[in-house]
């Protein structure tokens, strides 16, 4: 569907419906194609977006050993400490 800017002013609701139905809607200015009306892509919801796609190993919930925990708390000596 191609319509002029003048025509688009009075048919906007119809044009939106056509675009939502998958029809290409182009608005022209002085006979030149200027704008394409397309539906906005649906965004995925963040909550639960990866449900069923990620497996967390059971060991993830086990306590950390003292050496590893020291790195998280800043108590471990690293090679950078000597610089």
PDB file of N, CA and C in Angstrom:
ATOM      1  N   UNK A   1       0.846  -1.162   0.000  1.00  0.00           N
ATOM      2  CA  UNK A   1       0.000   0.000   0.000  1.00  0.00           C
ATOM      3  C   UNK A   1       0.898   1.233   0.000  1.00  0.00           C
ATOM      4  N   UNK A   2       0.669   2.130  -0.916  1.00  0.00           N
ATOM      5  CA  UNK A   2       1.394   3.397  -0.968  1.00  0.00           C
ATOM      6  C   UNK A   2       0.388   4.527  -0.879  1.00  0.00           C
ATOM      7  N   UNK A   3       0.683   5.472  -0.003  1.00  0.00           N
ATOM      8  CA  UNK A   3      -0.191   6.634   0.152  1.00  0.00           C
ATOM      9  C   UNK A   3       0.651   7.891   0.280  1.00  0.00           C
ATOM     10  N   UNK A   4       0.067   9.001  -0.115  1.00  0.00           N
ATOM     11  CA  UNK A   4       0.752  10.286   0.022  1.00  0.00           C
ATOM     12  C   UNK A   4       0.638  10.764   1.464  1.00  0.00           C
ATOM     13  N   UNK A   5       1.467  11.718   1.826  1.00  0.00           N
ATOM     14  CA  UNK A   5       1.412  12.299   3.169  1.00  0.00           C
ATOM     15  C   UNK A   5       0.021  12.855   3.424  1.00  0.00           C
ATOM     16  N   UNK A   6      -0.532  13.525   2.441  1.00  0.00           N
ATOM     17  CA  UNK A   6      -1.871  14.127   2.573  1.00  0.00           C
ATOM     18  C   UNK A   6      -2.900  13.044   2.890  1.00  0.00           C
ATOM     19  N   UNK A   7      -2.867  11.939   2.149  1.00  0.00           N
ATOM     20  CA  UNK A   7      -3.806  10.843   2.356  1.00  0.00           C
ATOM     21  C   UNK A   7      -3.546  10.136   3.683  1.00  0.00           C
ATOM     22  N   UNK A   8      -2.280  10.027   4.070  1.00  0.00           N
ATOM     23  CA  UNK A   8      -1.906   9.350   5.313  1.00  0.00           C
ATOM     24  C   UNK A   8      -2.495  10.051   6.530  1.00  0.00           C
ATOM     25  N   UNK A   9      -2.643  11.358   6.458  1.00  0.00           N
ATOM     26  CA  UNK A   9      -3.196  12.111   7.588  1.00  0.00           C
ATOM     27  C   UNK A   9      -4.608  11.651   7.926  1.00  0.00           C
ATOM     28  N   UNK A  10      -5.380  11.299   6.927  1.00  0.00           N
ATOM     29  CA  UNK A  10      -6.771  10.913   7.184  1.00  0.00           C
ATOM     30  C   UNK A  10      -6.957   9.407   7.322  1.00  0.00           C
ATOM     31  N   UNK A  11      -5.935   8.604   6.973  1.00  0.00           N
ATOM     32  CA  UNK A  11      -6.064   7.148   6.992  1.00  0.00           C
ATOM     33  C   UNK A  11      -5.076   6.466   7.934  1.00  0.00           C
ATOM     34  N   UNK A  12      -4.586   7.190   8.917  1.00  0.00           N
ATOM     35  CA  UNK A  12      -3.549   6.625   9.778  1.00  0.00           C
ATOM     36  C   UNK A  12      -4.004   5.347  10.480  1.00  0.00           C
ATOM     37  N   UNK A  13      -5.200   5.327  11.042  1.00  0.00           N
ATOM     38  CA  UNK A  13      -5.682   4.135  11.749  1.00  0.00           C
ATOM     39  C   UNK A  13      -5.746   2.935  10.810  1.00  0.00           C
ATOM     40  N   UNK A  14      -6.240   3.145   9.595  1.00  0.00           N
ATOM     41  CA  UNK A  14      -6.324   2.060   8.615  1.00  0.00           C
ATOM     42  C   UNK A  14      -4.926   1.580   8.232  1.00  0.00           C
ATOM     43  N   UNK A  15      -4.009   2.508   8.073  1.00  0.00           N
ATOM     44  CA  UNK A  15      -2.643   2.150   7.697  1.00  0.00           C
ATOM     45  C   UNK A  15      -1.971   1.340   8.797  1.00  0.00           C
ATOM     46  N   UNK A  16      -2.208   1.705  10.040  1.00  0.00           N
ATOM     47  CA  UNK A  16      -1.634   0.956  11.165  1.00  0.00           C
ATOM     48  C   UNK A  16      -2.167  -0.469  11.160  1.00  0.00           C
ATOM     49  N   UNK A  17      -3.454  -0.622  10.955  1.00  0.00           N
ATOM     50  CA  UNK A  17      -4.047  -1.963  10.917  1.00  0.00           C
ATOM     51  C   UNK A  17      -3.448  -2.791   9.784  1.00  0.00           C
ATOM     52  N   UNK A  18      -3.271  -2.203   8.622  1.00  0.00           N
ATOM     53  CA  UNK A  18      -2.684  -2.913   7.481  1.00  0.00           C
ATOM     54  C   UNK A  18      -1.259  -3.357   7.804  1.00  0.00           C
ATOM     55  N   UNK A  19      -0.486  -2.470   8.415  1.00  0.00           N
ATOM     56  CA  UNK A  19       0.894  -2.809   8.777  1.00  0.00           C
ATOM     57  C   UNK A  19       0.919  -3.951   9.794  1.00  0.00           C
ATOM     58  N   UNK A  20       0.004  -3.913  10.775  1.00  0.00           N
ATOM     59  CA  UNK A  20      -0.056  -4.978  11.775  1.00  0.00           C
ATOM     60  C   UNK A  20      -0.457  -6.311  11.156  1.00  0.00           C
ATOM     61  N   UNK A  21      -1.183  -6.263  10.059  1.00  0.00           N
ATOM     62  CA  UNK A  21      -1.592  -7.482   9.353  1.00  0.00           C
ATOM     63  C   UNK A  21      -0.481  -8.001   8.445  1.00  0.00           C
ATOM     64  N   UNK A  22       0.626  -7.264   8.356  1.00  0.00           N
ATOM     65  CA  UNK A  22       1.757  -7.714   7.576  1.00  0.00           C
ATOM     66  C   UNK A  22       1.899  -7.048   6.214  1.00  0.00           C
ATOM     67  N   UNK A  23       0.980  -6.146   5.887  1.00  0.00           N
ATOM     68  CA  UNK A  23       1.076  -5.464   4.592  1.00  0.00           C
ATOM     69  C   UNK A  23       2.114  -4.345   4.664  1.00  0.00           C
ATOM     70  N   UNK A  24       2.858  -4.180   3.594  1.00  0.00           N
ATOM     71  CA  UNK A  24       3.837  -3.099   3.545  1.00  0.00           C
ATOM     72  C   UNK A  24       3.097  -1.784   3.294  1.00  0.00           C
ATOM     73  N   UNK A  25       3.333  -0.811   4.151  1.00  0.00           N
ATOM     74  CA  UNK A  25       2.699   0.499   4.021  1.00  0.00           C
ATOM     75  C   UNK A  25       3.797   1.536   3.822  1.00  0.00           C
ATOM     76  N   UNK A  26       3.749   2.235   2.689  1.00  0.00           N
ATOM     77  CA  UNK A  26       4.766   3.234   2.374  1.00  0.00           C
ATOM     78  C   UNK A  26       4.090   4.582   2.190  1.00  0.00           C
ATOM     79  N   UNK A  27       4.660   5.595   2.807  1.00  0.00           N
ATOM     80  CA  UNK A  27       4.154   6.969   2.673  1.00  0.00           C
ATOM     81  C   UNK A  27       5.082   7.705   1.716  1.00  0.00           C
ATOM     82  N   UNK A  28       4.466   8.382   0.766  1.00  0.00           N
ATOM     83  CA  UNK A  28       5.249   9.101  -0.240  1.00  0.00           C
ATOM     84  C   UNK A  28       5.109  10.607  -0.049  1.00  0.00           C
ATOM     85  N   UNK A  29       6.131  11.309  -0.465  1.00  0.00           N
ATOM     86  CA  UNK A  29       6.108  12.779  -0.463  1.00  0.00           C
ATOM     87  C   UNK A  29       6.534  13.210  -1.863  1.00  0.00           C
ATOM     88  N   UNK A  30       5.662  13.954  -2.512  1.00  0.00           N
ATOM     89  CA  UNK A  30       5.914  14.403  -3.891  1.00  0.00           C
ATOM     90  C   UNK A  30       6.251  13.219  -4.809  1.00  0.00           C
ATOM     91  N   UNK A  31       5.549  12.088  -4.594  1.00  0.00           N
ATOM     92  CA  UNK A  31       5.733  10.923  -5.447  1.00  0.00           C
ATOM     93  C   UNK A  31       6.942  10.070  -5.114  1.00  0.00           C
ATOM     94  N   UNK A  32       7.730  10.477  -4.128  1.00  0.00           N
ATOM     95  CA  UNK A  32       8.931   9.735  -3.742  1.00  0.00           C
ATOM     96  C   UNK A  32       8.662   8.963  -2.449  1.00  0.00           C
ATOM     97  N   UNK A  33       8.996   7.671  -2.456  1.00  0.00           N
ATOM     98  CA  UNK A  33       8.832   6.872  -1.238  1.00  0.00           C
ATOM     99  C   UNK A  33       9.707   7.464  -0.140  1.00  0.00           C
ATOM    100  N   UNK A  34       9.077   7.763   0.990  1.00  0.00           N
ATOM    101  CA  UNK A  34       9.783   8.466   2.056  1.00  0.00           C
ATOM    102  C   UNK A  34       9.853   7.669   3.360  1.00  0.00           C
ATOM    103  N   UNK A  35       8.733   7.040   3.727  1.00  0.00           N
ATOM    104  CA  UNK A  35       8.646   6.370   5.028  1.00  0.00           C
ATOM    105  C   UNK A  35       7.952   5.020   4.865  1.00  0.00           C
ATOM    106  N   UNK A  36       8.446   4.019   5.604  1.00  0.00           N
ATOM    107  CA  UNK A  36       7.793   2.716   5.650  1.00  0.00           C
ATOM    108  C   UNK A  36       7.221   2.536   7.049  1.00  0.00           C
ATOM    109  N   UNK A  37       5.949   2.185   7.112  1.00  0.00           N
ATOM    110  CA  UNK A  37       5.274   1.969   8.391  1.00  0.00           C
ATOM    111  C   UNK A  37       5.333   0.477   8.703  1.00  0.00           C
ATOM    112  N   UNK A  38       5.974   0.130   9.813  1.00  0.00           N
ATOM    113  CA  UNK A  38       6.113  -1.272  10.214  1.00  0.00           C
ATOM    114  C   UNK A  38       5.778  -1.418  11.696  1.00  0.00           C
ATOM    115  N   UNK A  39       5.285  -2.587  12.094  1.00  0.00           N
ATOM    116  CA  UNK A  39       5.000  -2.806  13.511  1.00  0.00           C
ATOM    117  C   UNK A  39       6.287  -2.846  14.335  1.00  0.00           C
ATOM    118  N   UNK A  40       6.191  -2.475  15.569  1.00  0.00           N
ATOM    119  CA  UNK A  40       7.320  -2.548  16.490  1.00  0.00           C
ATOM    120  C   UNK A  40       7.510  -4.010  16.883  1.00  0.00           C
ATOM    121  N   UNK A  41       8.746  -4.488  16.841  1.00  0.00           N
ATOM    122  CA  UNK A  41       9.042  -5.868  17.225  1.00  0.00           C
ATOM    123  C   UNK A  41       8.746  -6.057  18.705  1.00  0.00           C
ATOM    124  N   UNK A  42       8.126  -7.180  19.015  1.00  0.00           N
ATOM    125  CA  UNK A  42       7.806  -7.458  20.413  1.00  0.00           C
ATOM    126  C   UNK A  42       9.087  -7.784  21.157  1.00  0.00           C
ATOM    127  N   UNK A  43       9.206  -7.223  22.341  1.00  0.00           N
ATOM    128  CA  UNK A  43      10.388  -7.463  23.160  1.00  0.00           C
ATOM    129  C   UNK A  43      10.162  -8.674  24.039  1.00  0.00           C
ATOM    130  N   UNK A  44      11.227  -9.416  24.243  1.00  0.00           N
ATOM    131  CA  UNK A  44      11.144 -10.548  25.143  1.00  0.00           C
ATOM    132  C   UNK A  44      11.100 -10.047  26.583  1.00  0.00           C
ATOM    133  N   UNK A  45      10.378 -10.758  27.413  1.00  0.00           N
ATOM    134  CA  UNK A  45      10.355 -10.426  28.832  1.00  0.00           C
ATOM    135  C   UNK A  45      11.665 -10.897  29.456  1.00  0.00           C
ATOM    136  N   UNK A  46      12.236 -10.109  30.318  1.00  0.00           N
ATOM    137  CA  UNK A  46      13.500 -10.485  30.958  1.00  0.00           C
ATOM    138  C   UNK A  46      13.300 -11.589  31.982  1.00  0.00           C
ATOM    139  N   UNK A  47      12.224 -11.487  32.745  1.00  0.00           N
ATOM    140  CA  UNK A  47      11.999 -12.487  33.781  1.00  0.00           C
ATOM    141  C   UNK A  47      11.617 -13.799  33.111  1.00  0.00           C
ATOM    142  N   UNK A  48      12.380 -14.810  33.351  1.00  0.00           N
ATOM    143  CA  UNK A  48      12.107 -16.121  32.785  1.00  0.00           C
ATOM    144  C   UNK A  48      12.514 -16.278  31.332  1.00  0.00           C
ATOM    145  N   UNK A  49      13.268 -15.321  30.807  1.00  0.00           N
ATOM    146  CA  UNK A  49      13.629 -15.345  29.396  1.00  0.00           C
ATOM    147  C   UNK A  49      14.426 -16.607  29.025  1.00  0.00           C
ATOM    148  N   UNK A  50      15.229 -17.118  29.933  1.00  0.00           N
ATOM    149  CA  UNK A  50      16.055 -18.283  29.635  1.00  0.00           C
ATOM    150  C   UNK A  50      15.545 -19.548  30.341  1.00  0.00           C
ATOM    151  N   UNK A  51      14.280 -19.536  30.732  1.00  0.00           N
ATOM    152  CA  UNK A  51      13.716 -20.695  31.427  1.00  0.00           C
ATOM    153  C   UNK A  51      13.873 -21.948  30.568  1.00  0.00           C
ATOM    154  N   UNK A  52      14.396 -22.985  31.175  1.00  0.00           N
ATOM    155  CA  UNK A  52      14.574 -24.248  30.476  1.00  0.00           C
ATOM    156  C   UNK A  52      15.798 -24.308  29.581  1.00  0.00           C
ATOM    157  N   UNK A  53      16.538 -23.222  29.461  1.00  0.00           N
ATOM    158  CA  UNK A  53      17.704 -23.178  28.582  1.00  0.00           C
ATOM    159  C   UNK A  53      19.016 -23.210  29.360  1.00  0.00           C
ATOM    160  N   UNK A  54      18.968 -22.946  30.644  1.00  0.00           N
ATOM    161  CA  UNK A  54      20.182 -22.864  31.450  1.00  0.00           C
ATOM    162  C   UNK A  54      20.119 -23.917  32.550  1.00  0.00           C
ATOM    163  N   UNK A  55      21.197 -24.647  32.715  1.00  0.00           N
ATOM    164  CA  UNK A  55      21.288 -25.645  33.779  1.00  0.00           C
ATOM    165  C   UNK A  55      22.356 -25.197  34.765  1.00  0.00           C
ATOM    166  N   UNK A  56      21.970 -25.040  36.004  1.00  0.00           N
ATOM    167  CA  UNK A  56      22.918 -24.671  37.058  1.00  0.00           C
ATOM    168  C   UNK A  56      23.315 -25.956  37.781  1.00  0.00           C
ATOM    169  N   UNK A  57      24.618 -26.230  37.783  1.00  0.00           N
ATOM    170  CA  UNK A  57      25.133 -27.450  38.410  1.00  0.00           C
ATOM    171  C   UNK A  57      24.898 -27.383  39.910  1.00  0.00           C
ATOM    172  N   UNK A  58      24.606 -28.527  40.516  1.00  0.00           N
ATOM    173  CA  UNK A  58      24.323 -28.587  41.954  1.00  0.00           C
ATOM    174  C   UNK A  58      25.471 -28.038  42.793  1.00  0.00           C
ATOM    175  N   UNK A  59      26.718 -28.182  42.321  1.00  0.00           N
ATOM    176  CA  UNK A  59      27.870 -27.717  43.091  1.00  0.00           C
ATOM    177  C   UNK A  59      27.882 -26.191  43.231  1.00  0.00           C
ATOM    178  N   UNK A  60      27.102 -25.505  42.409  1.00  0.00           N
ATOM    179  CA  UNK A  60      27.035 -24.041  42.496  1.00  0.00           C
ATOM    180  C   UNK A  60      26.576 -23.597  43.887  1.00  0.00           C
ATOM    181  N   UNK A  61      25.725 -24.390  44.520  1.00  0.00           N
ATOM    182  CA  UNK A  61      25.142 -24.016  45.804  1.00  0.00           C
ATOM    183  C   UNK A  61      25.946 -24.523  47.004  1.00  0.00           C
ATOM    184  N   UNK A  62      27.024 -25.242  46.734  1.00  0.00           N
ATOM    185  CA  UNK A  62      27.864 -25.729  47.830  1.00  0.00           C
ATOM    186  C   UNK A  62      28.760 -24.598  48.334  1.00  0.00           C
ATOM    187  N   UNK A  63      29.127 -24.617  49.616  1.00  0.00           N
ATOM    188  CA  UNK A  63      30.005 -23.572  50.162  1.00  0.00           C
ATOM    189  C   UNK A  63      31.369 -23.587  49.464  1.00  0.00           C
ATOM    190  N   UNK A  64      31.973 -22.423  49.362  1.00  0.00           N
ATOM    191  CA  UNK A  64      33.310 -22.314  48.768  1.00  0.00           C
ATOM    192  C   UNK A  64      34.366 -22.777  49.763  1.00  0.00           C
ATOM    193  N   UNK A  65      35.453 -23.331  49.236  1.00  0.00           N
ATOM    194  CA  UNK A  65      36.548 -23.705  50.122  1.00  0.00           C
ATOM    195  C   UNK A  65      37.225 -22.410  50.604  1.00  0.00           C
ATOM    196  N   UNK A  66      38.006 -22.502  51.678  1.00  0.00           N
ATOM    197  CA  UNK A  66      38.605 -21.315  52.307  1.00  0.00           C
ATOM    198  C   UNK A  66      39.508 -20.529  51.354  1.00  0.00           C
ATOM    199  N   UNK A  67      40.280 -21.236  50.520  1.00  0.00           N
ATOM    200  CA  UNK A  67      41.198 -20.555  49.607  1.00  0.00           C
ATOM    201  C   UNK A  67      40.426 -19.723  48.579  1.00  0.00           C
ATOM    202  N   UNK A  68      39.395 -20.312  47.981  1.00  0.00           N
ATOM    203  CA  UNK A  68      38.595 -19.594  46.977  1.00  0.00           C
ATOM    204  C   UNK A  68      37.845 -18.442  47.624  1.00  0.00           C
ATOM    205  N   UNK A  69      37.297 -18.657  48.791  1.00  0.00           N
ATOM    206  CA  UNK A  69      36.565 -17.611  49.501  1.00  0.00           C
ATOM    207  C   UNK A  69      37.470 -16.420  49.806  1.00  0.00           C
ATOM    208  N   UNK A  70      38.743 -16.679  50.091  1.00  0.00           N
ATOM    209  CA  UNK A  70      39.696 -15.609  50.388  1.00  0.00           C
ATOM    210  C   UNK A  70      39.858 -14.663  49.197  1.00  0.00           C
ATOM    211  N   UNK A  71      39.768 -15.187  47.973  1.00  0.00           N
ATOM    212  CA  UNK A  71      39.862 -14.322  46.794  1.00  0.00           C
ATOM    213  C   UNK A  71      38.660 -13.376  46.697  1.00  0.00           C
ATOM    214  N   UNK A  72      37.497 -13.840  47.096  1.00  0.00           N
ATOM    215  CA  UNK A  72      36.299 -13.006  47.040  1.00  0.00           C
ATOM    216  C   UNK A  72      36.283 -11.947  48.126  1.00  0.00           C
ATOM    217  N   UNK A  73      36.866 -12.251  49.276  1.00  0.00           N
ATOM    218  CA  UNK A  73      36.862 -11.308  50.383  1.00  0.00           C
ATOM    219  C   UNK A  73      38.063 -10.359  50.366  1.00  0.00           C
ATOM    220  N   UNK A  74      39.036 -10.645  49.496  1.00  0.00           N
ATOM    221  CA  UNK A  74      40.214  -9.799  49.410  1.00  0.00           C
ATOM    222  C   UNK A  74      41.327 -10.191  50.355  1.00  0.00           C
ATOM    223  N   UNK A  75      41.171 -11.319  51.024  1.00  0.00           N
ATOM    224  CA  UNK A  75      42.166 -11.772  51.992  1.00  0.00           C
ATOM    225  C   UNK A  75      43.279 -12.603  51.362  1.00  0.00           C
ATOM    226  N   UNK A  76      43.116 -13.035  50.122  1.00  0.00           N
ATOM    227  CA  UNK A  76      44.119 -13.888  49.465  1.00  0.00           C
ATOM    228  C   UNK A  76      45.247 -13.042  48.900  1.00  0.00           C
ATOM    229  N   UNK A  77      46.456 -13.584  48.984  1.00  0.00           N
ATOM    230  CA  UNK A  77      47.614 -12.913  48.408  1.00  0.00           C
ATOM    231  C   UNK A  77      47.702 -13.319  46.946  1.00  0.00           C
ATOM    232  N   UNK A  78      47.833 -12.352  46.047  1.00  0.00           N
ATOM    233  CA  UNK A  78      47.927 -12.641  44.607  1.00  0.00           C
ATOM    234  C   UNK A  78      49.254 -12.129  44.070  1.00  0.00           C
ATOM    235  N   UNK A  79      49.554 -12.483  42.825  1.00  0.00           N
ATOM    236  CA  UNK A  79      50.786 -12.030  42.177  1.00  0.00           C
ATOM    237  C   UNK A  79      50.788 -10.516  42.047  1.00  0.00           C
ATOM    238  N   UNK A  80      49.628  -9.893  41.976  1.00  0.00           N
ATOM    239  CA  UNK A  80      49.560  -8.437  41.851  1.00  0.00           C
ATOM    240  C   UNK A  80      49.943  -7.715  43.127  1.00  0.00           C
ATOM    241  N   UNK A  81      49.863  -8.413  44.265  1.00  0.00           N
ATOM    242  CA  UNK A  81      50.227  -7.799  45.532  1.00  0.00           C
ATOM    243  C   UNK A  81      51.709  -7.445  45.606  1.00  0.00           C
ATOM    244  N   UNK A  82      52.538  -8.135  44.825  1.00  0.00           N
ATOM    245  CA  UNK A  82      53.986  -7.908  44.870  1.00  0.00           C
ATOM    246  C   UNK A  82      54.431  -6.741  43.984  1.00  0.00           C
ATOM    247  N   UNK A  83      53.514  -6.218  43.170  1.00  0.00           N
ATOM    248  CA  UNK A  83      53.908  -5.137  42.238  1.00  0.00           C
ATOM    249  C   UNK A  83      54.031  -3.811  42.935  1.00  0.00           C
TER     250      UNK A  83
END
